[in-house]
N, C-alpha and C. Protein backbone atom coordinates (compact mmCIF):
# COMPACT_ATOMS: atom_id res chain seq x y z
N MET A 1 0.83 -1.19 -0.02
CA MET A 1 -0.03 -0.05 -0.05
C MET A 1 0.90 1.26 -0.04
N LYS A 2 0.54 2.10 -0.88
CA LYS A 2 1.24 3.46 -1.00
C LYS A 2 0.18 4.43 -0.70
N VAL A 3 0.58 5.44 0.25
CA VAL A 3 -0.29 6.56 0.49
C VAL A 3 0.49 7.80 0.21
N THR A 4 -0.07 8.59 -0.84
CA THR A 4 0.65 9.80 -1.23
C THR A 4 -0.24 11.03 -0.83
N PRO A 5 0.34 11.88 0.00
CA PRO A 5 -0.32 13.11 0.35
C PRO A 5 -0.11 14.23 -0.67
N LEU A 6 -1.23 15.00 -1.02
CA LEU A 6 -1.25 16.03 -1.99
C LEU A 6 -2.03 17.15 -1.28
N ALA A 7 -1.32 18.25 -1.03
CA ALA A 7 -2.02 19.40 -0.49
C ALA A 7 -2.08 20.47 -1.48
N THR A 8 -3.36 21.01 -1.64
CA THR A 8 -3.53 22.12 -2.50
C THR A 8 -4.33 23.20 -1.73
N SER A 9 -4.70 24.26 -2.33
CA SER A 9 -5.33 25.39 -1.59
C SER A 9 -6.78 24.85 -1.23
N ALA A 10 -7.36 23.97 -1.92
CA ALA A 10 -8.72 23.64 -1.77
C ALA A 10 -8.89 22.48 -0.76
N ALA A 11 -7.92 21.50 -0.71
CA ALA A 11 -8.27 20.37 0.11
C ALA A 11 -6.87 19.61 0.31
N PHE A 12 -6.78 18.75 1.36
CA PHE A 12 -5.71 17.81 1.51
C PHE A 12 -6.15 16.40 1.07
N THR A 13 -5.43 15.84 0.09
CA THR A 13 -5.88 14.65 -0.45
C THR A 13 -4.76 13.55 -0.11
N LEU A 14 -5.32 12.36 0.18
CA LEU A 14 -4.57 11.16 0.29
C LEU A 14 -4.94 10.20 -0.86
N VAL A 15 -3.84 9.92 -1.64
CA VAL A 15 -4.05 9.03 -2.84
C VAL A 15 -3.64 7.63 -2.39
N LEU A 16 -4.55 6.67 -2.39
CA LEU A 16 -4.24 5.31 -1.97
C LEU A 16 -4.04 4.42 -3.22
N ASP A 17 -3.01 3.65 -3.14
CA ASP A 17 -2.67 2.72 -4.22
C ASP A 17 -2.24 1.48 -3.63
N GLY A 18 -3.03 0.31 -3.96
CA GLY A 18 -2.69 -0.94 -3.50
C GLY A 18 -3.78 -1.63 -2.67
N GLU A 19 -3.31 -2.63 -1.83
CA GLU A 19 -4.28 -3.33 -0.90
C GLU A 19 -4.04 -2.70 0.47
N LEU A 20 -5.19 -2.33 1.13
CA LEU A 20 -5.05 -1.85 2.51
C LEU A 20 -5.60 -3.02 3.55
N ASP A 21 -4.57 -3.54 4.09
CA ASP A 21 -4.93 -4.58 5.06
C ASP A 21 -4.11 -4.41 6.31
N ALA A 22 -4.11 -5.36 7.24
CA ALA A 22 -3.53 -5.11 8.64
C ALA A 22 -2.02 -4.73 8.52
N SER A 23 -1.38 -5.32 7.55
CA SER A 23 0.03 -4.98 7.51
C SER A 23 0.34 -3.58 6.94
N SER A 24 -0.62 -2.99 6.24
CA SER A 24 -0.37 -1.57 5.58
C SER A 24 -1.29 -0.55 6.29
N ALA A 25 -2.08 -1.03 7.17
CA ALA A 25 -2.99 -0.06 7.93
C ALA A 25 -2.18 1.00 8.66
N ILE A 26 -0.99 0.67 9.15
CA ILE A 26 -0.22 1.66 9.84
C ILE A 26 0.17 2.76 9.05
N VAL A 27 0.47 2.57 7.69
CA VAL A 27 0.82 3.55 6.79
C VAL A 27 -0.28 4.65 6.69
N LEU A 28 -1.51 4.11 6.51
CA LEU A 28 -2.72 5.05 6.37
C LEU A 28 -2.85 5.77 7.73
N ASP A 29 -2.72 4.94 8.89
CA ASP A 29 -2.92 5.59 10.15
C ASP A 29 -1.92 6.81 10.38
N THR A 30 -0.64 6.62 10.01
CA THR A 30 0.29 7.69 10.03
C THR A 30 0.00 8.82 9.21
N ALA A 31 -0.47 8.55 7.96
CA ALA A 31 -0.90 9.58 7.10
C ALA A 31 -1.99 10.54 7.61
N LEU A 32 -2.90 9.85 8.31
CA LEU A 32 -4.17 10.47 8.88
C LEU A 32 -3.76 11.26 10.07
N LEU A 33 -2.66 11.06 10.72
CA LEU A 33 -2.24 11.73 11.86
C LEU A 33 -1.26 13.03 11.51
N ASN A 34 -1.16 13.21 10.21
CA ASN A 34 -0.29 14.32 9.77
C ASN A 34 -0.84 15.59 10.15
N PRO A 35 -0.16 16.44 10.94
CA PRO A 35 -0.65 17.62 11.50
C PRO A 35 -1.09 18.56 10.30
N GLU A 36 -0.47 18.55 9.24
CA GLU A 36 -0.80 19.44 8.02
C GLU A 36 -2.28 19.28 7.66
N LEU A 37 -2.80 18.05 7.81
CA LEU A 37 -4.13 17.67 7.43
C LEU A 37 -5.21 18.44 8.09
N LEU A 38 -4.83 18.74 9.29
CA LEU A 38 -5.86 19.54 10.27
C LEU A 38 -5.96 21.02 9.88
N THR A 39 -5.10 21.53 8.95
CA THR A 39 -5.30 22.90 8.59
C THR A 39 -6.23 22.96 7.41
N TYR A 40 -6.81 21.96 7.08
CA TYR A 40 -7.83 21.92 5.94
C TYR A 40 -9.23 21.63 6.50
N LYS A 41 -10.20 22.12 5.84
CA LYS A 41 -11.60 21.69 6.16
C LYS A 41 -12.11 20.48 5.48
N LYS A 42 -11.32 20.08 4.40
CA LYS A 42 -11.75 18.83 3.56
C LYS A 42 -10.52 18.01 3.44
N VAL A 43 -10.71 16.79 3.78
CA VAL A 43 -9.71 15.75 3.55
C VAL A 43 -10.27 14.73 2.49
N LEU A 44 -9.66 14.67 1.25
CA LEU A 44 -10.18 13.84 0.21
C LEU A 44 -9.36 12.52 0.30
N ILE A 45 -10.10 11.40 0.06
CA ILE A 45 -9.34 10.08 -0.03
C ILE A 45 -9.62 9.60 -1.51
N ASP A 46 -8.56 9.63 -2.31
CA ASP A 46 -8.61 9.19 -3.72
C ASP A 46 -8.42 7.66 -3.76
N CYS A 47 -9.46 7.02 -4.04
CA CYS A 47 -9.46 5.50 -3.99
C CYS A 47 -9.35 4.88 -5.33
N HIS A 48 -9.02 5.62 -6.40
CA HIS A 48 -8.89 5.02 -7.69
C HIS A 48 -8.00 3.77 -7.74
N GLY A 49 -6.85 3.84 -6.86
CA GLY A 49 -5.89 2.72 -6.96
C GLY A 49 -6.03 1.79 -5.81
N LEU A 50 -7.05 1.97 -5.00
CA LEU A 50 -7.38 1.07 -3.83
C LEU A 50 -8.05 -0.18 -4.32
N SER A 51 -7.35 -1.27 -4.40
CA SER A 51 -7.83 -2.58 -4.96
C SER A 51 -8.53 -3.45 -3.93
N TYR A 52 -8.23 -3.29 -2.62
CA TYR A 52 -8.77 -4.14 -1.66
C TYR A 52 -8.68 -3.47 -0.31
N ILE A 53 -9.65 -3.54 0.61
CA ILE A 53 -9.64 -3.03 1.83
C ILE A 53 -10.18 -4.07 2.87
N SER A 54 -9.39 -4.31 3.94
CA SER A 54 -9.72 -5.33 4.94
C SER A 54 -10.43 -4.57 6.14
N SER A 55 -10.87 -5.35 7.11
CA SER A 55 -11.47 -4.70 8.33
C SER A 55 -10.42 -3.93 9.01
N ALA A 56 -9.11 -4.23 9.01
CA ALA A 56 -8.17 -3.37 9.63
C ALA A 56 -8.12 -2.01 9.01
N GLY A 57 -8.12 -2.09 7.59
CA GLY A 57 -8.15 -0.84 6.92
C GLY A 57 -9.37 0.03 7.25
N LEU A 58 -10.46 -0.53 7.22
CA LEU A 58 -11.73 0.07 7.52
C LEU A 58 -11.74 0.61 8.93
N GLY A 59 -11.02 -0.09 9.83
CA GLY A 59 -10.91 0.40 11.21
C GLY A 59 -10.12 1.69 11.36
N VAL A 60 -9.11 1.79 10.56
CA VAL A 60 -8.30 3.03 10.60
C VAL A 60 -9.21 4.24 10.19
N PHE A 61 -10.08 4.11 9.13
CA PHE A 61 -10.85 5.23 8.72
C PHE A 61 -11.86 5.56 9.86
N ILE A 62 -12.56 4.43 10.45
CA ILE A 62 -13.51 4.73 11.52
C ILE A 62 -12.91 5.39 12.69
N ALA A 63 -11.63 5.01 13.07
CA ALA A 63 -10.98 5.46 14.25
C ALA A 63 -10.70 7.01 14.08
N HIS A 64 -10.50 7.42 12.84
CA HIS A 64 -10.14 8.85 12.64
C HIS A 64 -11.48 9.67 12.31
N LEU A 65 -12.42 9.01 11.89
CA LEU A 65 -13.69 9.76 11.39
C LEU A 65 -14.26 10.67 12.51
N GLN A 66 -14.34 10.16 13.70
CA GLN A 66 -14.95 11.00 14.74
C GLN A 66 -14.01 12.17 15.19
N ARG A 67 -12.72 11.90 15.21
CA ARG A 67 -11.73 12.92 15.60
C ARG A 67 -11.73 14.00 14.49
N LEU A 68 -11.75 13.71 13.29
CA LEU A 68 -11.75 14.68 12.20
C LEU A 68 -13.13 15.50 12.29
N GLN A 69 -14.17 14.88 12.49
CA GLN A 69 -15.49 15.51 12.58
C GLN A 69 -15.48 16.55 13.79
N ASP A 70 -14.95 16.06 14.90
CA ASP A 70 -14.90 16.86 16.08
C ASP A 70 -14.10 18.22 15.74
N LEU A 71 -13.06 18.09 14.86
CA LEU A 71 -12.21 19.20 14.51
C LEU A 71 -12.71 20.01 13.27
N ASP A 72 -14.02 19.64 12.96
CA ASP A 72 -14.69 20.34 11.82
C ASP A 72 -13.98 19.99 10.45
N VAL A 73 -13.41 18.86 10.27
CA VAL A 73 -12.85 18.40 9.01
C VAL A 73 -13.68 17.35 8.36
N THR A 74 -14.01 17.57 7.18
CA THR A 74 -14.92 16.59 6.41
C THR A 74 -14.05 15.55 5.67
N LEU A 75 -14.25 14.31 5.82
CA LEU A 75 -13.59 13.23 5.09
C LEU A 75 -14.43 12.83 3.97
N ILE A 76 -13.97 12.88 2.74
CA ILE A 76 -14.69 12.59 1.53
C ILE A 76 -13.95 11.63 0.71
N PHE A 77 -14.50 10.50 0.30
CA PHE A 77 -13.89 9.53 -0.48
C PHE A 77 -14.45 9.69 -1.93
N PHE A 78 -13.55 9.48 -2.87
CA PHE A 78 -13.93 9.51 -4.38
C PHE A 78 -13.16 8.46 -5.22
N GLN A 79 -13.70 8.28 -6.35
CA GLN A 79 -13.23 7.33 -7.34
C GLN A 79 -13.02 5.88 -6.69
N MET A 80 -13.92 5.47 -6.01
CA MET A 80 -13.87 4.13 -5.29
C MET A 80 -14.28 3.07 -6.23
N GLN A 81 -13.52 1.98 -6.27
CA GLN A 81 -13.78 0.88 -7.21
C GLN A 81 -15.05 0.20 -6.66
N GLU A 82 -15.74 -0.41 -7.55
CA GLU A 82 -17.17 -0.99 -7.14
C GLU A 82 -16.92 -2.07 -6.06
N LYS A 83 -15.93 -2.89 -6.21
CA LYS A 83 -15.83 -3.99 -5.20
C LYS A 83 -15.36 -3.42 -3.83
N VAL A 84 -14.70 -2.36 -3.78
CA VAL A 84 -14.47 -1.59 -2.50
C VAL A 84 -15.61 -0.83 -1.98
N PHE A 85 -16.39 -0.31 -2.81
CA PHE A 85 -17.57 0.40 -2.44
C PHE A 85 -18.62 -0.58 -1.86
N ASN A 86 -18.71 -1.71 -2.43
CA ASN A 86 -19.63 -2.83 -1.97
C ASN A 86 -19.39 -3.15 -0.50
N ILE A 87 -18.15 -3.25 -0.07
CA ILE A 87 -17.68 -3.49 1.28
C ILE A 87 -18.29 -2.37 2.19
N PHE A 88 -18.05 -1.10 1.79
CA PHE A 88 -18.47 0.05 2.63
C PHE A 88 -20.17 -0.03 2.65
N GLU A 89 -20.67 -0.38 1.54
CA GLU A 89 -22.20 -0.35 1.50
C GLU A 89 -22.76 -1.55 2.40
N ILE A 90 -22.07 -2.73 2.24
CA ILE A 90 -22.60 -3.88 3.05
C ILE A 90 -22.50 -3.57 4.57
N LEU A 91 -21.43 -2.88 4.97
CA LEU A 91 -21.21 -2.57 6.34
C LEU A 91 -21.94 -1.37 6.85
N GLY A 92 -22.71 -0.61 5.94
CA GLY A 92 -23.37 0.62 6.17
C GLY A 92 -22.57 1.87 6.40
N LEU A 93 -21.23 1.71 5.98
CA LEU A 93 -20.33 2.85 6.08
C LEU A 93 -20.57 3.96 5.13
N ASP A 94 -21.27 3.56 4.08
CA ASP A 94 -21.62 4.61 3.02
C ASP A 94 -22.63 5.62 3.63
N VAL A 95 -23.32 5.34 4.66
CA VAL A 95 -24.02 6.19 5.42
C VAL A 95 -23.29 7.23 6.28
N LEU A 96 -22.23 6.65 6.91
CA LEU A 96 -21.44 7.49 7.86
C LEU A 96 -20.36 8.28 7.16
N ILE A 97 -19.90 7.73 5.92
CA ILE A 97 -18.82 8.36 5.24
C ILE A 97 -19.31 8.88 3.87
N GLN A 98 -18.85 10.04 3.52
CA GLN A 98 -19.33 10.66 2.30
C GLN A 98 -18.56 10.08 1.13
N ILE A 99 -19.15 9.51 0.17
CA ILE A 99 -18.52 8.81 -1.03
C ILE A 99 -19.15 9.43 -2.23
N VAL A 100 -18.25 9.93 -3.12
CA VAL A 100 -18.67 10.51 -4.34
C VAL A 100 -17.87 9.96 -5.46
N SER A 101 -18.38 10.12 -6.76
CA SER A 101 -17.73 9.55 -7.96
C SER A 101 -16.44 10.23 -8.30
N THR A 102 -16.38 11.51 -8.30
CA THR A 102 -15.24 12.25 -8.92
C THR A 102 -14.56 13.28 -7.95
N GLN A 103 -13.38 13.71 -8.34
CA GLN A 103 -12.64 14.62 -7.49
C GLN A 103 -13.36 15.92 -7.48
N GLU A 104 -13.90 16.31 -8.53
CA GLU A 104 -14.73 17.54 -8.74
C GLU A 104 -15.92 17.50 -7.73
N GLN A 105 -16.61 16.41 -7.60
CA GLN A 105 -17.70 16.31 -6.70
C GLN A 105 -17.21 16.38 -5.20
N ALA A 106 -16.05 15.81 -4.99
CA ALA A 106 -15.44 15.85 -3.64
C ALA A 106 -15.16 17.23 -3.21
N LEU A 107 -14.52 17.96 -4.15
CA LEU A 107 -14.20 19.34 -3.90
C LEU A 107 -15.40 20.32 -3.69
N ALA A 108 -16.48 19.87 -4.47
CA ALA A 108 -17.78 20.67 -4.31
C ALA A 108 -18.55 20.44 -3.09
N ALA A 109 -18.35 19.21 -2.50
CA ALA A 109 -19.25 18.69 -1.44
C ALA A 109 -18.98 19.70 -0.22
């Protein structure tokens, strides 16, 4: 799993590439603890390269979701592959987490 941070004037984006499982969840956790992330109102998660997510990977997002919401930071996922979206949907996480199709929609949200 590779997590690439991209900061622009509009949002802080984490680009995910690969499989997010127990062994790579620490990489994501570290990225979500980046202090620069808290200087933005929107944190976008680019999922176009995310091919698999395990319960450990989901747990990292859930663990940070409330912390970010308490700090008035919105977490928005975009370009999620169908098989990954199905996991979010089956678990009901699509209700808790904002998921949109494109980066443009994420920026406008």
